[in-house]
Amino acid sequence: MANVLTVYYSRKGENYFGGEIRSIKKGNTERIAEFIQKAVGGDLFEIETVREYAKDYHECTNEAAAEKRQNARPALKKLPESIDRYDTIFVGYPNWWGTAPMAVFTFLDSFDFAGKKIVPFCTNEGSGMGTSERDIQKECPKATVASGLSIRGSQAENSQAKTAAWAVQNVK
């Protein structure tokens, strides 16, 4: 299905797992994005910021909170040339302070999503989708924003079947 794009922001390194900080080589959201692409095909694009967040988990969360307060739009390393050929765009992220990281909003602000279907998914340790679905709809008012998928980061590695079934339902 060439009309599907899966875009994600993910954090490698120190992450929160049900009460403890652990270091991981592949981000939880990246795993979910790969499961989606495997299930429905299409292209995969990683959102990467020019300025990297702190390696220390707690420092990173402080930086994310400051960006949210400022409604910042951090610079990205690259963007796709266009999203014109995509009908369905899966957008994934960790839940940072109740919504998507501000880098995701930088991505959303960079394109016209009129007539597109945005399908959000997020990883978290219990905070669910937060306000991210509503925030994405506000950012992209001419898009259709589907109900999102929330996966606990600590369970991301074992969520392929659940993720695939959800993704397939969202491209029908």
Protein backbone atom coordinates (compact mmCIF):
# COMPACT_ATOMS: atom_id res chain seq x y z
CA MET A 1 0.00 0.00 0.00
CA ALA A 2 2.07 2.87 -1.29
CA ASN A 3 -0.44 5.42 0.01
CA VAL A 4 0.53 4.82 3.66
CA LEU A 5 3.18 6.75 5.55
CA THR A 6 4.20 5.90 9.09
CA VAL A 7 5.91 8.82 10.82
CA TYR A 8 7.28 8.55 14.33
CA TYR A 9 9.36 10.23 17.00
CA SER A 10 11.01 7.81 19.42
CA ARG A 11 13.48 7.95 22.29
CA LYS A 12 16.37 5.51 22.57
CA GLY A 13 18.51 5.31 25.68
CA GLU A 14 17.05 6.04 29.12
CA ASN A 15 13.29 5.39 29.30
CA TYR A 16 10.75 4.96 32.08
CA PHE A 17 9.44 1.42 32.58
CA GLY A 18 6.81 1.06 35.31
CA GLY A 19 8.70 2.72 38.11
CA GLU A 20 12.30 2.38 36.96
CA ILE A 21 14.62 3.93 34.41
CA ARG A 22 16.14 1.51 31.91
CA SER A 23 18.32 2.05 28.87
CA ILE A 24 17.06 0.65 25.57
CA LYS A 25 18.77 0.43 22.18
CA LYS A 26 15.57 0.88 20.15
CA GLY A 27 12.83 3.27 21.18
CA ASN A 28 9.41 1.87 22.06
CA THR A 29 7.59 4.04 19.53
CA GLU A 30 10.03 2.99 16.82
CA ARG A 31 9.12 -0.67 17.51
CA ILE A 32 5.41 0.10 17.13
CA ALA A 33 6.06 2.05 13.90
CA GLU A 34 7.93 -0.93 12.46
CA PHE A 35 5.05 -3.24 13.41
CA ILE A 36 2.64 -0.91 11.59
CA GLN A 37 4.76 -0.77 8.46
CA LYS A 38 5.13 -4.56 8.45
CA ALA A 39 1.34 -4.95 8.72
CA VAL A 40 0.20 -2.36 6.15
CA GLY A 41 3.26 -1.53 4.06
CA GLY A 42 4.04 1.97 2.90
CA ASP A 43 6.92 4.21 3.87
CA LEU A 44 8.54 4.83 7.24
CA PHE A 45 9.90 8.20 8.36
CA GLU A 46 11.64 9.02 11.65
CA ILE A 47 11.26 12.51 13.09
CA GLU A 48 14.65 13.63 14.41
CA THR A 49 15.40 16.94 16.09
CA VAL A 50 18.46 19.02 15.22
CA ARG A 51 19.21 19.55 18.90
CA GLU A 52 19.25 16.24 20.71
CA TYR A 53 17.48 15.92 24.04
CA ALA A 54 19.47 15.15 27.17
CA LYS A 55 20.56 11.55 27.54
CA ASP A 56 19.43 11.62 31.19
CA TYR A 57 15.73 10.72 31.31
CA HIS A 58 14.80 13.29 33.98
CA GLU A 59 16.67 16.10 32.21
CA CYS A 60 14.90 15.14 28.97
CA THR A 61 11.49 15.34 30.63
CA ASN A 62 12.37 18.80 31.96
CA GLU A 63 13.34 19.90 28.45
CA ALA A 64 10.09 18.47 27.06
CA ALA A 65 8.04 20.29 29.71
CA ALA A 66 9.75 23.59 28.87
CA GLU A 67 9.06 23.08 25.14
CA LYS A 68 5.41 22.35 25.86
CA ARG A 69 5.04 25.49 28.02
CA GLN A 70 6.55 27.56 25.19
CA ASN A 71 4.53 25.74 22.49
CA ALA A 72 7.94 25.35 20.83
CA ARG A 73 8.55 23.96 17.39
CA PRO A 74 12.04 22.41 17.55
CA ALA A 75 13.95 22.26 14.28
CA LEU A 76 14.02 18.89 12.54
CA LYS A 77 17.00 17.32 10.76
CA LYS A 78 14.92 16.56 7.67
CA LEU A 79 11.40 16.29 6.29
CA PRO A 80 9.91 14.25 3.47
CA GLU A 81 9.82 16.23 0.23
CA SER A 82 6.06 15.87 0.13
CA ILE A 83 3.17 13.94 1.67
CA ASP A 84 0.89 14.47 -1.33
CA ARG A 85 0.85 10.82 -2.42
CA TYR A 86 -0.20 9.51 1.00
CA ASP A 87 -3.84 9.07 2.00
CA THR A 88 -3.26 7.54 5.44
CA ILE A 89 -0.55 8.83 7.74
CA PHE A 90 0.19 7.01 10.99
CA VAL A 91 1.81 9.42 13.45
CA GLY A 92 3.59 7.95 16.48
CA TYR A 93 5.21 9.38 19.57
CA PRO A 94 5.78 8.88 23.28
CA ASN A 95 3.26 10.68 25.48
CA TRP A 96 5.26 13.61 26.88
CA TRP A 97 3.37 15.70 29.42
CA GLY A 98 -0.03 14.58 28.20
CA THR A 99 0.45 15.02 24.47
CA ALA A 100 2.87 14.43 21.59
CA PRO A 101 6.39 15.89 21.79
CA MET A 102 6.63 19.33 20.24
CA ALA A 103 8.83 17.91 17.45
CA VAL A 104 5.76 16.02 16.21
CA PHE A 105 3.92 19.34 15.95
CA THR A 106 6.86 20.76 13.97
CA PHE A 107 6.29 17.92 11.51
CA LEU A 108 2.52 18.47 11.41
CA ASP A 109 2.98 22.22 10.84
CA SER A 110 5.23 21.51 7.84
CA PHE A 111 2.52 20.07 5.57
CA ASP A 112 -1.07 20.50 4.46
CA PHE A 113 -3.06 17.54 5.77
CA ALA A 114 -6.36 18.53 4.13
CA GLY A 115 -8.19 15.39 3.05
CA LYS A 116 -5.68 13.09 4.75
CA LYS A 117 -6.42 10.51 7.42
CA ILE A 118 -4.09 10.84 10.42
CA VAL A 119 -3.90 7.79 12.65
CA PRO A 120 -2.10 8.55 15.92
CA PHE A 121 -0.34 6.03 18.14
CA CYS A 122 1.63 6.56 21.30
CA THR A 123 3.69 4.79 23.90
CA ASN A 124 3.44 5.59 27.59
CA GLU A 125 3.47 3.93 30.99
CA GLY A 126 -0.16 4.51 31.86
CA SER A 127 -1.09 8.00 30.68
CA GLY A 128 -2.71 6.77 27.47
CA MET A 129 -3.22 9.13 24.55
CA GLY A 130 -3.62 12.16 26.83
CA THR A 131 -4.93 15.11 24.79
CA SER A 132 -2.82 14.22 21.75
CA GLU A 133 -5.70 13.19 19.46
CA ARG A 134 -7.51 16.47 20.13
CA ASP A 135 -4.25 18.43 19.83
CA ILE A 136 -3.48 16.84 16.46
CA GLN A 137 -7.00 17.58 15.21
CA LYS A 138 -6.58 21.21 16.30
CA GLU A 139 -3.23 21.39 14.47
CA CYS A 140 -4.62 19.72 11.32
CA PRO A 141 -8.28 20.83 11.19
CA LYS A 142 -8.84 19.72 7.58
CA ALA A 143 -7.64 16.16 8.25
CA THR A 144 -9.62 13.26 9.65
CA VAL A 145 -7.98 12.12 12.89
CA ALA A 146 -8.79 8.53 13.77
CA SER A 147 -8.92 7.09 17.28
CA GLY A 148 -5.40 6.37 18.41
CA LEU A 149 -3.62 3.33 19.76
CA SER A 150 -1.99 3.56 23.18
CA ILE A 151 0.68 0.98 24.04
CA ARG A 152 2.59 0.76 27.30
CA GLY A 153 6.24 1.22 26.43
CA SER A 154 7.19 -1.65 28.68
CA GLN A 155 4.92 -3.88 26.55
CA ALA A 156 5.88 -2.48 23.13
CA GLU A 157 8.19 -5.34 22.27
CA ASN A 158 5.34 -7.84 22.68
CA SER A 159 2.55 -5.87 20.99
CA GLN A 160 3.02 -6.81 17.35
CA ALA A 161 -0.26 -8.73 16.93
CA LYS A 162 -2.37 -6.05 18.64
CA THR A 163 -0.66 -3.28 16.68
CA ALA A 164 -0.98 -5.06 13.33
CA ALA A 165 -4.70 -5.76 13.79
CA TRP A 166 -5.34 -2.11 14.70
CA ALA A 167 -3.26 -0.80 11.78
CA VAL A 168 -5.02 -3.00 9.22
CA GLN A 169 -8.40 -1.74 10.49
CA ASN A 170 -7.26 1.84 9.91
CA VAL A 171 -6.34 1.44 6.25
CA LYS A 172 -9.61 -0.15 5.12
